[in-house]
């Protein structure tokens, strides 16, 4: 399990090319042709193949249990670095953002956007576009935080509007935040256990011979 306090802005999965610093002065010079470059056989020709493709969107509903745990800790590390880098107040990113789906989806989208903007194959102006979208995202985050009622030192579930025919919503009460990091770990552990239980129940109904769901 990853450490939620480990400050890394990226995902930690970026692959850097190996640089050969041992130069043989007596070696024959390499003659690269146009065909070699096209086939990726020339020196450095395989660089692009070593760089992972930009990530796609994260659908939190569809992640397997192990994937869910990894994404939670990856997003937590990035959000921690983000709030410190830009000095963001709790009115934009509150300590208990992980307990509010609207904040999770917004921050997750911003994270993937950042990864794509700073991808080695991206255009040099892409980070400027990310910062423009970051300004828009901060306004939305303020709206989410104000609507949810979560604060720096306390939290409460986002209020739900009861539609006709539905059972009344549970009363919303403020909870004092004593240790944010511990709460995050406990919350993620419970989320992963719930997702794993759902997976086990799903596969328990599968035919072991055909794999079909009975």
N, C-alpha and C. Protein backbone atom coordinates (compact mmCIF):
# COMPACT_ATOMS: atom_id res chain seq x y z
N UNK A 1 0.85 -1.20 0.00
CA UNK A 1 0.00 0.00 0.00
C UNK A 1 0.88 1.24 0.00
N UNK A 2 0.55 2.21 -0.82
CA UNK A 2 1.36 3.40 -0.96
C UNK A 2 1.18 4.32 0.22
N UNK A 3 2.18 5.15 0.44
CA UNK A 3 2.14 6.13 1.51
C UNK A 3 1.40 7.36 1.02
N UNK A 4 0.26 7.74 1.65
CA UNK A 4 -0.50 8.90 1.18
C UNK A 4 0.23 10.20 1.34
N UNK A 5 1.33 10.23 2.11
CA UNK A 5 2.07 11.47 2.33
C UNK A 5 3.24 11.64 1.39
N UNK A 6 3.44 10.68 0.52
CA UNK A 6 4.57 10.75 -0.40
C UNK A 6 4.29 11.79 -1.45
N UNK A 7 5.06 12.87 -1.49
CA UNK A 7 4.78 13.99 -2.38
C UNK A 7 5.39 13.75 -3.75
N UNK A 8 4.57 13.33 -4.70
CA UNK A 8 4.99 13.24 -6.09
C UNK A 8 3.85 13.77 -6.92
N UNK A 9 4.14 14.71 -7.84
CA UNK A 9 3.09 15.30 -8.64
C UNK A 9 2.64 14.38 -9.74
N UNK A 10 3.54 13.57 -10.30
CA UNK A 10 3.16 12.65 -11.36
C UNK A 10 2.72 11.33 -10.82
N UNK A 11 2.47 10.36 -11.73
CA UNK A 11 1.96 9.06 -11.31
C UNK A 11 3.06 8.13 -10.86
N UNK A 12 4.33 8.43 -11.18
CA UNK A 12 5.41 7.51 -10.84
C UNK A 12 5.58 6.42 -11.88
N UNK A 13 4.71 6.45 -12.97
CA UNK A 13 4.80 5.41 -13.98
C UNK A 13 5.51 5.88 -15.24
N UNK A 14 5.95 7.15 -15.26
CA UNK A 14 6.60 7.63 -16.46
C UNK A 14 7.92 6.89 -16.69
N UNK A 15 8.15 6.47 -17.92
CA UNK A 15 9.34 5.72 -18.25
C UNK A 15 10.34 6.65 -18.89
N UNK A 16 11.52 6.77 -18.34
CA UNK A 16 12.56 7.62 -18.87
C UNK A 16 13.51 6.79 -19.72
N UNK A 17 13.96 7.34 -20.84
CA UNK A 17 14.87 6.58 -21.70
C UNK A 17 16.21 6.38 -21.04
N UNK A 18 16.82 5.20 -21.28
CA UNK A 18 18.16 4.93 -20.78
C UNK A 18 19.17 5.71 -21.60
N UNK A 19 20.06 6.42 -20.94
CA UNK A 19 21.07 7.20 -21.63
C UNK A 19 22.40 6.48 -21.54
N UNK A 20 22.99 6.17 -22.69
CA UNK A 20 24.27 5.48 -22.75
C UNK A 20 25.38 6.50 -22.70
N UNK A 21 26.06 6.59 -21.55
CA UNK A 21 27.10 7.60 -21.38
C UNK A 21 28.49 7.04 -21.66
N UNK A 22 28.59 5.74 -21.99
CA UNK A 22 29.88 5.14 -22.31
C UNK A 22 30.15 5.30 -23.79
N UNK A 23 31.08 6.18 -24.15
CA UNK A 23 31.37 6.47 -25.55
C UNK A 23 32.68 5.80 -25.94
N UNK A 24 32.63 4.98 -26.98
CA UNK A 24 33.81 4.30 -27.50
C UNK A 24 34.40 5.16 -28.60
N UNK A 25 35.55 5.83 -28.31
CA UNK A 25 36.16 6.74 -29.28
C UNK A 25 36.76 6.01 -30.47
N UNK A 26 37.01 4.70 -30.34
CA UNK A 26 37.61 3.93 -31.42
C UNK A 26 36.57 3.26 -32.31
N UNK A 27 35.32 3.40 -31.95
CA UNK A 27 34.28 2.70 -32.71
C UNK A 27 34.05 3.39 -34.04
N UNK A 28 33.60 2.59 -35.04
CA UNK A 28 33.26 3.14 -36.34
C UNK A 28 32.01 3.99 -36.23
N UNK A 29 31.95 5.14 -36.90
CA UNK A 29 30.74 5.97 -36.83
C UNK A 29 29.56 5.25 -37.44
N UNK A 30 28.41 5.40 -36.80
CA UNK A 30 27.21 4.75 -37.30
C UNK A 30 26.65 5.54 -38.47
N UNK A 31 26.23 4.84 -39.52
CA UNK A 31 25.66 5.47 -40.69
C UNK A 31 24.17 5.15 -40.72
N UNK A 32 23.38 6.12 -40.37
CA UNK A 32 21.94 5.92 -40.36
C UNK A 32 21.35 6.40 -41.67
N UNK A 33 20.51 5.59 -42.26
CA UNK A 33 19.85 5.94 -43.51
C UNK A 33 18.42 6.35 -43.23
N UNK A 34 17.78 6.88 -44.27
CA UNK A 34 16.38 7.28 -44.12
C UNK A 34 15.52 6.07 -43.80
N UNK A 35 15.86 4.90 -44.39
CA UNK A 35 15.10 3.70 -44.12
C UNK A 35 15.27 3.26 -42.69
N UNK A 36 16.51 3.41 -42.16
CA UNK A 36 16.75 3.02 -40.77
C UNK A 36 15.90 3.87 -39.83
N UNK A 37 15.84 5.18 -40.11
CA UNK A 37 15.06 6.05 -39.25
C UNK A 37 13.59 5.69 -39.30
N UNK A 38 13.13 5.34 -40.50
CA UNK A 38 11.72 5.02 -40.63
C UNK A 38 11.37 3.77 -39.87
N UNK A 39 12.33 2.81 -39.83
CA UNK A 39 12.06 1.55 -39.14
C UNK A 39 12.35 1.62 -37.65
N UNK A 40 12.90 2.76 -37.20
CA UNK A 40 13.22 2.89 -35.78
C UNK A 40 14.50 2.15 -35.41
N UNK A 41 15.36 1.82 -36.45
CA UNK A 41 16.59 1.09 -36.17
C UNK A 41 17.76 2.02 -35.93
N UNK A 42 17.64 3.29 -36.27
CA UNK A 42 18.73 4.22 -36.06
C UNK A 42 18.88 4.52 -34.58
N UNK A 43 20.09 4.98 -34.17
CA UNK A 43 20.29 5.30 -32.76
C UNK A 43 19.22 6.28 -32.27
N UNK A 44 18.56 5.90 -31.20
CA UNK A 44 17.51 6.74 -30.66
C UNK A 44 16.18 6.56 -31.35
N UNK A 45 16.14 5.70 -32.37
CA UNK A 45 14.91 5.55 -33.14
C UNK A 45 13.80 4.92 -32.33
N UNK A 46 14.12 4.18 -31.27
CA UNK A 46 13.08 3.52 -30.50
C UNK A 46 12.61 4.32 -29.30
N UNK A 47 13.00 5.60 -29.23
CA UNK A 47 12.66 6.40 -28.05
C UNK A 47 11.16 6.49 -27.83
N UNK A 48 10.44 6.81 -28.92
CA UNK A 48 9.01 7.00 -28.76
C UNK A 48 8.32 5.72 -28.31
N UNK A 49 8.89 4.56 -28.68
CA UNK A 49 8.28 3.31 -28.28
C UNK A 49 8.44 3.07 -26.78
N UNK A 50 9.43 3.73 -26.16
CA UNK A 50 9.67 3.54 -24.73
C UNK A 50 8.81 4.45 -23.87
N UNK A 51 8.14 5.43 -24.49
CA UNK A 51 7.34 6.37 -23.73
C UNK A 51 5.89 5.89 -23.70
N UNK A 52 5.32 5.69 -22.51
CA UNK A 52 3.93 5.24 -22.44
C UNK A 52 2.98 6.27 -23.02
N UNK A 53 1.88 5.83 -23.56
CA UNK A 53 0.89 6.73 -24.14
C UNK A 53 0.24 7.56 -23.05
N UNK A 54 -0.29 8.72 -23.40
CA UNK A 54 -1.00 9.53 -22.39
C UNK A 54 -2.15 8.73 -21.79
N UNK A 55 -2.44 8.92 -20.51
CA UNK A 55 -3.51 8.14 -19.86
C UNK A 55 -4.88 8.57 -20.33
N UNK A 56 -5.81 7.65 -20.26
CA UNK A 56 -7.20 7.96 -20.57
C UNK A 56 -7.94 8.35 -19.31
N UNK A 57 -9.21 8.71 -19.43
CA UNK A 57 -10.00 9.09 -18.26
C UNK A 57 -10.11 7.94 -17.26
N UNK A 58 -10.26 8.27 -15.99
CA UNK A 58 -10.43 7.28 -14.94
C UNK A 58 -11.91 7.20 -14.60
N UNK A 59 -12.50 6.03 -14.83
CA UNK A 59 -13.90 5.80 -14.45
C UNK A 59 -13.90 5.07 -13.11
N UNK A 60 -14.17 5.79 -12.05
CA UNK A 60 -14.08 5.23 -10.70
C UNK A 60 -15.10 4.14 -10.46
N UNK A 61 -16.17 4.11 -11.24
CA UNK A 61 -17.18 3.08 -11.06
C UNK A 61 -16.70 1.71 -11.55
N UNK A 62 -15.78 1.70 -12.51
CA UNK A 62 -15.41 0.46 -13.19
C UNK A 62 -14.07 -0.11 -12.75
N UNK A 63 -13.37 0.55 -11.84
CA UNK A 63 -12.05 0.09 -11.42
C UNK A 63 -12.15 -1.19 -10.59
N UNK A 64 -11.23 -2.13 -10.86
CA UNK A 64 -11.13 -3.30 -10.00
C UNK A 64 -10.57 -2.87 -8.65
N UNK A 65 -10.68 -3.74 -7.65
CA UNK A 65 -10.28 -3.37 -6.28
C UNK A 65 -8.83 -2.90 -6.22
N UNK A 66 -7.92 -3.66 -6.84
CA UNK A 66 -6.51 -3.27 -6.81
C UNK A 66 -6.28 -1.97 -7.56
N UNK A 67 -6.97 -1.80 -8.68
CA UNK A 67 -6.85 -0.56 -9.45
C UNK A 67 -7.39 0.62 -8.65
N UNK A 68 -8.49 0.37 -7.96
CA UNK A 68 -9.11 1.43 -7.15
C UNK A 68 -8.16 1.92 -6.07
N UNK A 69 -7.52 0.99 -5.38
CA UNK A 69 -6.57 1.37 -4.33
C UNK A 69 -5.42 2.18 -4.89
N UNK A 70 -4.87 1.73 -6.02
CA UNK A 70 -3.74 2.44 -6.63
C UNK A 70 -4.15 3.85 -7.06
N UNK A 71 -5.32 3.99 -7.66
CA UNK A 71 -5.78 5.30 -8.11
C UNK A 71 -6.02 6.25 -6.94
N UNK A 72 -6.58 5.72 -5.85
CA UNK A 72 -6.82 6.56 -4.68
C UNK A 72 -5.51 7.17 -4.17
N UNK A 73 -4.50 6.34 -3.99
CA UNK A 73 -3.25 6.84 -3.43
C UNK A 73 -2.49 7.72 -4.41
N UNK A 74 -2.61 7.41 -5.70
CA UNK A 74 -1.97 8.24 -6.70
C UNK A 74 -2.60 9.62 -6.74
N UNK A 75 -3.93 9.66 -6.71
CA UNK A 75 -4.61 10.95 -6.72
C UNK A 75 -4.33 11.72 -5.44
N UNK A 76 -4.27 11.05 -4.32
CA UNK A 76 -4.00 11.73 -3.05
C UNK A 76 -2.62 12.38 -3.05
N UNK A 77 -1.61 11.68 -3.57
CA UNK A 77 -0.27 12.26 -3.65
C UNK A 77 -0.26 13.50 -4.53
N UNK A 78 -0.96 13.41 -5.67
CA UNK A 78 -0.96 14.53 -6.60
C UNK A 78 -1.70 15.73 -6.02
N UNK A 79 -2.84 15.50 -5.40
CA UNK A 79 -3.61 16.59 -4.81
C UNK A 79 -2.82 17.26 -3.69
N UNK A 80 -2.10 16.46 -2.92
CA UNK A 80 -1.28 17.03 -1.84
C UNK A 80 -0.22 17.96 -2.41
N UNK A 81 0.44 17.53 -3.48
CA UNK A 81 1.44 18.38 -4.12
C UNK A 81 0.80 19.61 -4.76
N UNK A 82 -0.37 19.43 -5.35
CA UNK A 82 -1.06 20.53 -6.02
C UNK A 82 -1.42 21.63 -5.03
N UNK A 83 -2.01 21.26 -3.90
CA UNK A 83 -2.44 22.29 -2.95
C UNK A 83 -1.26 23.03 -2.35
N UNK A 84 -0.13 22.35 -2.20
CA UNK A 84 1.06 23.01 -1.64
C UNK A 84 1.76 23.87 -2.70
N UNK A 85 1.80 23.39 -3.92
CA UNK A 85 2.46 24.14 -4.99
C UNK A 85 1.76 25.48 -5.24
N UNK A 86 0.42 25.47 -5.22
CA UNK A 86 -0.33 26.68 -5.54
C UNK A 86 -0.94 27.34 -4.31
N UNK A 87 -0.62 26.84 -3.11
CA UNK A 87 -1.12 27.46 -1.89
C UNK A 87 -2.63 27.52 -1.83
N UNK A 88 -3.30 26.42 -2.19
CA UNK A 88 -4.76 26.42 -2.29
C UNK A 88 -5.39 26.33 -0.90
N UNK A 89 -6.38 27.17 -0.63
CA UNK A 89 -7.06 27.14 0.67
C UNK A 89 -8.07 26.00 0.74
N UNK A 90 -8.60 25.79 1.94
CA UNK A 90 -9.59 24.73 2.14
C UNK A 90 -10.89 25.02 1.41
N UNK A 91 -11.12 26.26 1.00
CA UNK A 91 -12.32 26.59 0.23
C UNK A 91 -12.24 26.07 -1.19
N UNK A 92 -11.04 25.67 -1.63
CA UNK A 92 -10.84 25.07 -2.96
C UNK A 92 -10.61 23.57 -2.84
N UNK A 93 -9.67 23.17 -1.98
CA UNK A 93 -9.42 21.75 -1.72
C UNK A 93 -9.43 21.55 -0.21
N UNK A 94 -10.51 21.06 0.34
CA UNK A 94 -10.60 20.82 1.78
C UNK A 94 -9.92 19.50 2.16
N UNK A 95 -9.55 19.32 3.42
CA UNK A 95 -8.86 18.10 3.84
C UNK A 95 -9.65 16.83 3.53
N UNK A 96 -10.96 16.89 3.63
CA UNK A 96 -11.77 15.69 3.48
C UNK A 96 -12.37 15.58 2.07
N UNK A 97 -11.66 16.07 1.07
CA UNK A 97 -12.18 16.01 -0.30
C UNK A 97 -12.48 14.58 -0.73
N UNK A 98 -11.76 13.61 -0.15
CA UNK A 98 -11.94 12.22 -0.57
C UNK A 98 -13.32 11.67 -0.20
N UNK A 99 -14.01 12.32 0.72
CA UNK A 99 -15.33 11.85 1.14
C UNK A 99 -16.47 12.47 0.32
N UNK A 100 -16.13 13.23 -0.69
CA UNK A 100 -17.14 13.90 -1.50
C UNK A 100 -16.93 13.56 -2.97
N UNK A 101 -17.87 12.81 -3.52
CA UNK A 101 -17.71 12.32 -4.89
C UNK A 101 -17.52 13.45 -5.89
N UNK A 102 -18.24 14.56 -5.70
CA UNK A 102 -18.14 15.66 -6.65
C UNK A 102 -16.72 16.23 -6.69
N UNK A 103 -16.03 16.22 -5.55
CA UNK A 103 -14.64 16.71 -5.51
C UNK A 103 -13.69 15.67 -6.08
N UNK A 104 -13.95 14.41 -5.82
CA UNK A 104 -13.10 13.34 -6.34
C UNK A 104 -13.10 13.34 -7.86
N UNK A 105 -14.29 13.42 -8.46
CA UNK A 105 -14.37 13.39 -9.92
C UNK A 105 -13.72 14.63 -10.53
N UNK A 106 -13.91 15.77 -9.92
CA UNK A 106 -13.29 17.01 -10.44
C UNK A 106 -11.77 16.95 -10.36
N UNK A 107 -11.26 16.54 -9.20
CA UNK A 107 -9.81 16.48 -9.02
C UNK A 107 -9.19 15.37 -9.86
N UNK A 108 -9.90 14.27 -10.02
CA UNK A 108 -9.39 13.18 -10.86
C UNK A 108 -9.27 13.63 -12.31
N UNK A 109 -10.27 14.33 -12.81
CA UNK A 109 -10.22 14.84 -14.18
C UNK A 109 -9.08 15.84 -14.34
N UNK A 110 -8.87 16.68 -13.33
CA UNK A 110 -7.78 17.65 -13.39
C UNK A 110 -6.43 16.96 -13.37
N UNK A 111 -6.32 15.86 -12.62
CA UNK A 111 -5.09 15.10 -12.55
C UNK A 111 -4.74 14.48 -13.90
N UNK A 112 -5.71 13.82 -14.52
CA UNK A 112 -5.47 13.20 -15.83
C UNK A 112 -5.13 14.27 -16.86
N UNK A 113 -5.80 15.39 -16.79
CA UNK A 113 -5.52 16.51 -17.69
C UNK A 113 -4.07 16.97 -17.52
N UNK A 114 -3.61 17.03 -16.29
CA UNK A 114 -2.22 17.43 -16.02
C UNK A 114 -1.24 16.42 -16.61
N UNK A 115 -1.52 15.14 -16.43
CA UNK A 115 -0.64 14.09 -16.96
C UNK A 115 -0.55 14.19 -18.48
N UNK A 116 -1.65 14.46 -19.13
CA UNK A 116 -1.64 14.58 -20.59
C UNK A 116 -0.92 15.85 -21.03
N UNK A 117 -1.11 16.95 -20.30
CA UNK A 117 -0.50 18.22 -20.68
C UNK A 117 1.02 18.18 -20.58
N UNK A 118 1.54 17.41 -19.62
CA UNK A 118 2.98 17.33 -19.41
C UNK A 118 3.57 16.03 -19.95
N UNK A 119 2.85 15.35 -20.81
CA UNK A 119 3.37 14.14 -21.44
C UNK A 119 4.49 14.51 -22.41
N UNK A 120 5.57 13.69 -22.50
CA UNK A 120 6.70 14.03 -23.38
C UNK A 120 6.32 14.24 -24.84
N UNK A 121 5.25 13.63 -25.30
CA UNK A 121 4.85 13.77 -26.70
C UNK A 121 3.90 14.95 -26.91
N UNK A 122 3.58 15.66 -25.85
CA UNK A 122 2.60 16.75 -25.95
C UNK A 122 3.25 18.01 -26.51
N UNK A 123 2.41 18.87 -27.05
CA UNK A 123 2.84 20.17 -27.56
C UNK A 123 3.37 21.03 -26.42
N UNK A 124 4.34 21.87 -26.70
CA UNK A 124 4.95 22.69 -25.66
C UNK A 124 4.01 23.69 -25.02
N UNK A 125 2.93 24.04 -25.69
CA UNK A 125 1.98 25.00 -25.13
C UNK A 125 0.89 24.33 -24.31
N UNK A 126 0.89 23.00 -24.23
CA UNK A 126 -0.16 22.28 -23.51
C UNK A 126 -0.24 22.69 -22.04
N UNK A 127 0.88 22.88 -21.33
CA UNK A 127 0.77 23.29 -19.92
C UNK A 127 0.03 24.62 -19.74
N UNK A 128 0.14 25.51 -20.72
CA UNK A 128 -0.60 26.77 -20.62
C UNK A 128 -2.10 26.49 -20.67
N UNK A 129 -2.49 25.56 -21.53
CA UNK A 129 -3.91 25.18 -21.61
C UNK A 129 -4.38 24.56 -20.31
N UNK A 130 -3.51 23.75 -19.69
CA UNK A 130 -3.88 23.15 -18.40
C UNK A 130 -4.12 24.22 -17.35
N UNK A 131 -3.25 25.23 -17.29
CA UNK A 131 -3.43 26.28 -16.29
C UNK A 131 -4.70 27.10 -16.56
N UNK A 132 -5.06 27.27 -17.81
CA UNK A 132 -6.32 27.95 -18.11
C UNK A 132 -7.50 27.14 -17.58
N UNK A 133 -7.47 25.84 -17.84
CA UNK A 133 -8.54 24.97 -17.35
C UNK A 133 -8.50 24.82 -15.83
N UNK A 134 -7.31 24.92 -15.26
CA UNK A 134 -7.16 24.86 -13.81
C UNK A 134 -7.90 26.02 -13.15
N UNK A 135 -7.85 27.19 -13.78
CA UNK A 135 -8.58 28.35 -13.24
C UNK A 135 -10.08 28.08 -13.23
N UNK A 136 -10.59 27.48 -14.30
CA UNK A 136 -12.02 27.14 -14.35
C UNK A 136 -12.36 26.09 -13.29
N UNK A 137 -11.47 25.11 -13.14
CA UNK A 137 -11.71 24.03 -12.17
C UNK A 137 -11.75 24.58 -10.75
N UNK A 138 -10.92 25.56 -10.45
CA UNK A 138 -10.92 26.13 -9.10
C UNK A 138 -12.27 26.77 -8.77
N UNK A 139 -12.88 27.41 -9.76
CA UNK A 139 -14.20 27.99 -9.52
C UNK A 139 -15.23 26.91 -9.24
N UNK A 140 -15.16 25.82 -10.00
CA UNK A 140 -16.11 24.72 -9.76
C UNK A 140 -15.86 24.08 -8.41
N UNK A 141 -14.59 23.93 -8.04
CA UNK A 141 -14.26 23.34 -6.74
C UNK A 141 -14.83 24.19 -5.60
N UNK A 142 -14.72 25.50 -5.74
CA UNK A 142 -15.30 26.38 -4.70
C UNK A 142 -16.80 26.16 -4.58
N UNK A 143 -17.45 25.99 -5.72
CA UNK A 143 -18.90 25.75 -5.69
C UNK A 143 -19.21 24.43 -4.99
N UNK A 144 -18.45 23.38 -5.32
CA UNK A 144 -18.68 22.06 -4.71
C UNK A 144 -18.46 22.13 -3.20
N UNK A 145 -17.38 22.80 -2.80
CA UNK A 145 -17.05 22.87 -1.37
C UNK A 145 -18.13 23.64 -0.63
N UNK A 146 -18.57 24.77 -1.19
CA UNK A 146 -19.60 25.58 -0.53
C UNK A 146 -20.91 24.81 -0.41
N UNK A 147 -21.26 24.05 -1.44
CA UNK A 147 -22.51 23.31 -1.42
C UNK A 147 -22.45 22.13 -0.44
N UNK A 148 -21.30 21.50 -0.34
CA UNK A 148 -21.18 20.32 0.52
C UNK A 148 -21.11 20.69 2.00
N UNK A 149 -20.52 21.84 2.32
CA UNK A 149 -20.41 22.25 3.71
C UNK A 149 -19.17 21.74 4.40
N UNK A 150 -18.28 21.04 3.68
CA UNK A 150 -17.05 20.57 4.30
C UNK A 150 -16.12 21.76 4.57
N UNK A 151 -15.38 21.68 5.67
CA UNK A 151 -14.52 22.80 6.09
C UNK A 151 -13.13 22.29 6.46
N UNK A 152 -12.29 23.22 6.89
CA UNK A 152 -10.92 22.88 7.24
C UNK A 152 -10.85 21.92 8.42
N UNK A 153 -11.65 22.17 9.45
CA UNK A 153 -11.55 21.39 10.68
C UNK A 153 -12.75 20.49 10.94
N UNK A 154 -13.69 20.43 10.00
CA UNK A 154 -14.86 19.56 10.18
C UNK A 154 -15.42 19.17 8.81
N UNK A 155 -16.22 18.13 8.84
CA UNK A 155 -16.77 17.64 7.58
C UNK A 155 -18.18 17.13 7.82
N UNK A 156 -18.94 17.11 6.75
CA UNK A 156 -20.27 16.51 6.80
C UNK A 156 -20.61 16.01 5.40
N UNK A 157 -21.44 14.98 5.30
CA UNK A 157 -21.81 14.46 3.98
C UNK A 157 -22.54 15.53 3.16
N UNK A 158 -22.33 15.47 1.86
CA UNK A 158 -23.03 16.40 0.98
C UNK A 158 -24.54 16.20 1.09
N UNK A 159 -25.26 17.29 1.28
CA UNK A 159 -26.72 17.18 1.43
C UNK A 159 -27.36 16.65 0.15
N UNK A 160 -28.35 15.79 0.33
CA UNK A 160 -29.08 15.21 -0.80
C UNK A 160 -30.52 15.71 -0.80
N UNK A 161 -31.02 16.04 -1.97
CA UNK A 161 -32.41 16.47 -2.11
C UNK A 161 -33.30 15.24 -2.28
N UNK A 162 -34.30 15.15 -1.43
CA UNK A 162 -35.22 14.01 -1.49
C UNK A 162 -36.31 14.28 -2.52
N UNK A 163 -36.41 13.40 -3.49
CA UNK A 163 -37.45 13.54 -4.52
C UNK A 163 -38.74 12.87 -4.04
N UNK A 164 -39.88 13.24 -4.63
CA UNK A 164 -41.16 12.63 -4.24
C UNK A 164 -41.11 11.11 -4.38
N UNK A 165 -41.58 10.43 -3.34
CA UNK A 165 -41.59 8.97 -3.35
C UNK A 165 -40.37 8.34 -2.73
N UNK A 166 -39.32 9.13 -2.46
CA UNK A 166 -38.10 8.60 -1.85
C UNK A 166 -38.19 8.71 -0.33
N UNK A 167 -37.42 7.86 0.34
CA UNK A 167 -37.33 7.95 1.80
C UNK A 167 -36.58 9.22 2.18
N UNK A 168 -36.93 9.83 3.29
CA UNK A 168 -36.23 11.04 3.72
C UNK A 168 -34.73 10.79 3.88
N UNK A 169 -33.94 11.78 3.53
CA UNK A 169 -32.49 11.66 3.65
C UNK A 169 -32.08 11.64 5.12
N UNK A 170 -30.97 10.96 5.39
CA UNK A 170 -30.45 10.92 6.76
C UNK A 170 -30.05 12.32 7.20
N UNK A 171 -30.20 12.64 8.48
CA UNK A 171 -29.78 13.97 8.96
C UNK A 171 -28.27 14.17 8.76
N UNK A 172 -27.90 15.39 8.42
CA UNK A 172 -26.50 15.72 8.16
C UNK A 172 -25.91 16.39 9.39
N UNK A 173 -24.83 15.83 9.90
CA UNK A 173 -24.19 16.39 11.09
C UNK A 173 -22.71 16.60 10.83
N UNK A 174 -22.16 17.66 11.39
CA UNK A 174 -20.74 17.94 11.25
C UNK A 174 -19.93 16.97 12.10
N UNK A 175 -18.78 16.56 11.55
CA UNK A 175 -17.85 15.67 12.25
C UNK A 175 -16.50 16.36 12.34
N UNK A 176 -15.93 16.42 13.52
CA UNK A 176 -14.62 17.04 13.72
C UNK A 176 -13.53 16.20 13.07
N UNK A 177 -12.63 16.85 12.36
CA UNK A 177 -11.53 16.16 11.68
C UNK A 177 -10.31 16.16 12.60
N UNK A 178 -10.02 15.01 13.20
CA UNK A 178 -8.89 14.92 14.13
C UNK A 178 -7.59 14.60 13.41
N UNK A 179 -7.63 13.67 12.46
CA UNK A 179 -6.42 13.24 11.75
C UNK A 179 -6.82 12.93 10.32
N UNK A 180 -6.56 13.85 9.42
CA UNK A 180 -7.01 13.71 8.04
C UNK A 180 -6.38 12.50 7.35
N UNK A 181 -5.07 12.30 7.50
CA UNK A 181 -4.39 11.20 6.81
C UNK A 181 -4.92 9.84 7.26
N UNK A 182 -5.17 9.71 8.55
CA UNK A 182 -5.71 8.45 9.06
C UNK A 182 -7.11 8.21 8.50
N UNK A 183 -7.89 9.28 8.43
CA UNK A 183 -9.24 9.14 7.89
C UNK A 183 -9.18 8.72 6.43
N UNK A 184 -8.24 9.28 5.68
CA UNK A 184 -8.11 8.91 4.27
C UNK A 184 -7.79 7.43 4.12
N UNK A 185 -6.81 6.95 4.89
CA UNK A 185 -6.42 5.55 4.80
C UNK A 185 -7.59 4.64 5.17
N UNK A 186 -8.29 4.97 6.26
CA UNK A 186 -9.43 4.16 6.69
C UNK A 186 -10.53 4.17 5.63
N UNK A 187 -10.77 5.33 5.04
CA UNK A 187 -11.82 5.44 4.03
C UNK A 187 -11.49 4.62 2.80
N UNK A 188 -10.25 4.72 2.32
CA UNK A 188 -9.84 3.97 1.13
C UNK A 188 -9.87 2.47 1.41
N UNK A 189 -9.42 2.08 2.58
CA UNK A 189 -9.45 0.66 2.95
C UNK A 189 -10.86 0.11 2.88
N UNK A 190 -11.82 0.87 3.39
CA UNK A 190 -13.22 0.44 3.35
C UNK A 190 -13.75 0.39 1.93
N UNK A 191 -13.38 1.38 1.11
CA UNK A 191 -13.83 1.41 -0.28
C UNK A 191 -13.30 0.22 -1.06
N UNK A 192 -12.02 -0.09 -0.86
CA UNK A 192 -11.40 -1.20 -1.57
C UNK A 192 -12.01 -2.53 -1.12
N UNK A 193 -12.24 -2.68 0.18
CA UNK A 193 -12.84 -3.91 0.70
C UNK A 193 -14.25 -4.09 0.14
N UNK A 194 -15.00 -3.01 0.02
CA UNK A 194 -16.36 -3.09 -0.55
C UNK A 194 -16.31 -3.50 -2.02
N UNK A 195 -15.38 -2.92 -2.77
CA UNK A 195 -15.25 -3.27 -4.19
C UNK A 195 -14.81 -4.72 -4.37
N UNK A 196 -13.89 -5.17 -3.50
CA UNK A 196 -13.41 -6.55 -3.60
C UNK A 196 -14.52 -7.53 -3.24
N UNK A 197 -15.35 -7.19 -2.26
CA UNK A 197 -16.47 -8.06 -1.90
C UNK A 197 -17.45 -8.17 -3.05
N UNK A 198 -17.68 -7.08 -3.75
CA UNK A 198 -18.58 -7.10 -4.91
C UNK A 198 -18.00 -7.97 -6.02
N UNK A 199 -16.68 -7.89 -6.21
CA UNK A 199 -16.04 -8.73 -7.22
C UNK A 199 -16.16 -10.21 -6.85
N UNK A 200 -15.90 -10.52 -5.58
CA UNK A 200 -15.98 -11.92 -5.14
C UNK A 200 -17.40 -12.46 -5.32
N UNK A 201 -18.39 -11.64 -5.01
CA UNK A 201 -19.77 -12.07 -5.16
C UNK A 201 -20.10 -12.30 -6.64
N UNK A 202 -19.56 -11.46 -7.49
CA UNK A 202 -19.81 -11.60 -8.94
C UNK A 202 -19.21 -12.89 -9.47
N UNK A 203 -17.95 -13.14 -9.11
CA UNK A 203 -17.28 -14.33 -9.63
C UNK A 203 -17.79 -15.61 -8.96
N UNK A 204 -18.36 -15.47 -7.78
CA UNK A 204 -18.91 -16.65 -7.12
C UNK A 204 -20.09 -17.21 -7.91
N UNK A 205 -20.73 -16.36 -8.68
CA UNK A 205 -21.86 -16.81 -9.47
C UNK A 205 -21.49 -17.28 -10.86
N UNK A 206 -20.19 -17.37 -11.14
CA UNK A 206 -19.74 -17.79 -12.47
C UNK A 206 -19.55 -19.30 -12.53
N UNK A 207 -19.84 -19.87 -13.68
CA UNK A 207 -19.62 -21.29 -13.92
C UNK A 207 -18.12 -21.51 -14.05
N UNK A 208 -17.49 -22.32 -13.20
CA UNK A 208 -16.03 -22.48 -13.25
C UNK A 208 -15.54 -23.10 -14.55
N UNK A 209 -16.42 -23.80 -15.27
CA UNK A 209 -16.01 -24.45 -16.52
C UNK A 209 -16.13 -23.53 -17.72
N UNK A 210 -17.19 -22.74 -17.76
CA UNK A 210 -17.42 -21.89 -18.93
C UNK A 210 -17.15 -20.41 -18.64
N UNK A 211 -17.14 -20.03 -17.36
CA UNK A 211 -16.95 -18.65 -17.02
C UNK A 211 -18.22 -17.83 -17.12
N UNK A 212 -19.33 -18.44 -17.54
CA UNK A 212 -20.58 -17.73 -17.65
C UNK A 212 -21.23 -17.53 -16.28
N UNK A 213 -21.96 -16.41 -16.16
CA UNK A 213 -22.63 -16.10 -14.90
C UNK A 213 -23.94 -16.89 -14.83
N UNK A 214 -24.08 -17.65 -13.76
CA UNK A 214 -25.30 -18.46 -13.60
C UNK A 214 -26.46 -17.60 -13.12
